[in-house]
N, C-alpha and C. Protein backbone atom coordinates (compact mmCIF):
# COMPACT_ATOMS: atom_id res chain seq x y z
N MET A 1 93.71 105.95 84.15
CA MET A 1 94.79 105.12 83.64
C MET A 1 96.01 105.28 84.55
N PRO A 2 96.72 104.21 84.77
CA PRO A 2 97.92 104.30 85.61
C PRO A 2 99.06 105.02 84.90
N ALA A 3 100.04 105.35 85.68
CA ALA A 3 101.25 105.96 85.13
C ALA A 3 101.89 104.96 84.17
N LYS A 4 102.59 105.50 83.19
CA LYS A 4 103.25 104.64 82.21
C LYS A 4 104.73 104.99 82.16
N VAL A 5 105.58 103.97 82.12
CA VAL A 5 107.02 104.15 82.06
C VAL A 5 107.50 103.90 80.64
N ASP A 6 108.30 104.81 80.13
CA ASP A 6 108.95 104.62 78.83
C ASP A 6 110.26 103.90 79.11
N PRO A 7 110.34 102.61 78.80
CA PRO A 7 111.56 101.85 79.12
C PRO A 7 112.80 102.37 78.41
N ALA A 8 112.63 103.03 77.28
CA ALA A 8 113.79 103.56 76.55
C ALA A 8 114.42 104.73 77.32
N LYS A 9 113.62 105.44 78.10
CA LYS A 9 114.12 106.58 78.87
C LYS A 9 114.54 106.20 80.29
N CYS A 10 113.92 105.17 80.85
CA CYS A 10 114.16 104.77 82.24
C CYS A 10 115.62 104.34 82.43
N THR A 11 116.27 104.95 83.42
CA THR A 11 117.66 104.61 83.71
C THR A 11 117.81 103.64 84.89
N GLY A 12 116.68 103.28 85.50
CA GLY A 12 116.73 102.34 86.62
C GLY A 12 117.19 102.95 87.92
N CYS A 13 117.02 104.25 88.08
CA CYS A 13 117.52 104.93 89.28
C CYS A 13 116.69 104.63 90.53
N GLU A 14 115.47 104.14 90.36
CA GLU A 14 114.56 103.76 91.44
C GLU A 14 113.98 104.93 92.23
N SER A 15 114.11 106.15 91.76
CA SER A 15 113.52 107.31 92.45
C SER A 15 112.01 107.18 92.56
N CYS A 16 111.40 106.65 91.54
CA CYS A 16 109.94 106.51 91.51
C CYS A 16 109.45 105.47 92.51
N VAL A 17 110.25 104.45 92.75
CA VAL A 17 109.85 103.37 93.65
C VAL A 17 109.60 103.92 95.05
N SER A 18 110.50 104.72 95.55
CA SER A 18 110.33 105.27 96.90
C SER A 18 109.30 106.39 96.93
N ALA A 19 109.01 107.01 95.80
CA ALA A 19 108.03 108.09 95.75
C ALA A 19 106.59 107.59 95.77
N CYS A 20 106.37 106.36 95.37
CA CYS A 20 105.01 105.83 95.26
C CYS A 20 104.43 105.53 96.64
N PRO A 21 103.30 106.18 96.99
CA PRO A 21 102.72 105.98 98.31
C PRO A 21 102.01 104.64 98.49
N VAL A 22 101.73 103.94 97.39
CA VAL A 22 101.03 102.66 97.48
C VAL A 22 101.88 101.48 97.00
N GLU A 23 103.16 101.70 96.84
CA GLU A 23 104.11 100.66 96.42
C GLU A 23 103.68 99.96 95.13
N ALA A 24 103.23 100.77 94.16
CA ALA A 24 102.76 100.22 92.88
C ALA A 24 103.86 100.15 91.83
N ILE A 25 105.07 100.56 92.18
CA ILE A 25 106.17 100.53 91.21
C ILE A 25 107.26 99.58 91.71
N ALA A 26 107.67 98.70 90.83
CA ALA A 26 108.74 97.76 91.15
C ALA A 26 109.73 97.77 89.99
N MET A 27 110.91 97.29 90.26
CA MET A 27 111.93 97.21 89.23
C MET A 27 111.91 95.82 88.60
N LYS A 28 111.95 95.79 87.28
CA LYS A 28 112.04 94.52 86.55
C LYS A 28 113.03 94.73 85.41
N ASP A 29 114.04 93.89 85.37
CA ASP A 29 115.09 94.01 84.37
C ASP A 29 115.70 95.41 84.37
N ARG A 30 115.90 95.96 85.55
CA ARG A 30 116.51 97.29 85.78
C ARG A 30 115.69 98.44 85.19
N LYS A 31 114.39 98.22 85.02
CA LYS A 31 113.47 99.26 84.54
C LYS A 31 112.27 99.30 85.48
N ALA A 32 111.69 100.48 85.66
CA ALA A 32 110.51 100.62 86.51
C ALA A 32 109.29 100.05 85.81
N LYS A 33 108.46 99.37 86.58
CA LYS A 33 107.19 98.82 86.07
C LYS A 33 106.09 99.26 87.03
N VAL A 34 105.00 99.78 86.48
CA VAL A 34 103.87 100.22 87.28
C VAL A 34 102.81 99.13 87.29
N SER A 35 102.34 98.77 88.48
CA SER A 35 101.33 97.71 88.59
C SER A 35 99.92 98.29 88.57
N ASP A 36 98.96 97.41 88.60
CA ASP A 36 97.55 97.81 88.61
C ASP A 36 97.16 98.48 89.93
N GLN A 37 98.03 98.45 90.92
CA GLN A 37 97.76 99.10 92.20
C GLN A 37 97.88 100.62 92.11
N CYS A 38 98.37 101.13 91.00
CA CYS A 38 98.57 102.57 90.81
C CYS A 38 97.25 103.32 91.04
N ILE A 39 97.31 104.39 91.84
CA ILE A 39 96.11 105.19 92.15
C ILE A 39 96.10 106.51 91.39
N ASP A 40 96.95 106.65 90.41
CA ASP A 40 96.99 107.85 89.55
C ASP A 40 97.28 109.14 90.31
N CYS A 41 98.11 109.07 91.33
CA CYS A 41 98.40 110.26 92.12
C CYS A 41 99.44 111.15 91.47
N GLY A 42 100.30 110.58 90.61
CA GLY A 42 101.32 111.35 89.91
C GLY A 42 102.58 111.63 90.71
N ALA A 43 102.70 111.07 91.89
CA ALA A 43 103.89 111.31 92.72
C ALA A 43 105.18 110.88 92.01
N CYS A 44 105.11 109.83 91.25
CA CYS A 44 106.29 109.30 90.57
C CYS A 44 106.73 110.19 89.41
N VAL A 45 105.78 110.86 88.78
CA VAL A 45 106.09 111.68 87.61
C VAL A 45 107.10 112.77 87.96
N GLY A 46 106.86 113.46 89.07
CA GLY A 46 107.74 114.54 89.49
C GLY A 46 109.09 114.07 90.00
N GLU A 47 109.17 112.82 90.40
CA GLU A 47 110.42 112.28 90.94
C GLU A 47 111.37 111.78 89.87
N CYS A 48 110.86 111.49 88.70
CA CYS A 48 111.72 110.90 87.65
C CYS A 48 112.64 111.96 87.05
N PRO A 49 113.96 111.80 87.22
CA PRO A 49 114.89 112.80 86.72
C PRO A 49 115.06 112.82 85.20
N VAL A 50 114.57 111.77 84.53
CA VAL A 50 114.71 111.71 83.07
C VAL A 50 113.36 111.78 82.35
N GLU A 51 112.31 112.09 83.10
CA GLU A 51 110.96 112.22 82.55
C GLU A 51 110.49 110.96 81.81
N ALA A 52 110.80 109.81 82.38
CA ALA A 52 110.42 108.54 81.75
C ALA A 52 109.00 108.11 82.14
N ILE A 53 108.38 108.81 83.09
CA ILE A 53 107.04 108.42 83.54
C ILE A 53 106.04 109.51 83.16
N VAL A 54 104.94 109.07 82.60
CA VAL A 54 103.86 110.01 82.24
C VAL A 54 102.53 109.45 82.72
N MET A 55 101.57 110.31 82.93
CA MET A 55 100.22 109.88 83.25
C MET A 55 99.45 109.80 81.94
N GLU A 56 98.77 108.71 81.72
CA GLU A 56 98.02 108.53 80.48
C GLU A 56 96.67 109.19 80.58
């Protein structure tokens, strides 16, 4: 399962966007969105300063 973003926690800082090695995260309405391109590497999880991203 791909990473999941909790929009209530996401502050739109974009740290996860640059952390993703396959460019599977984009910003939509100032919140991070993970696409189906996610390879489940977890790189974004450690980069999120507010813990808004989890691996399912």
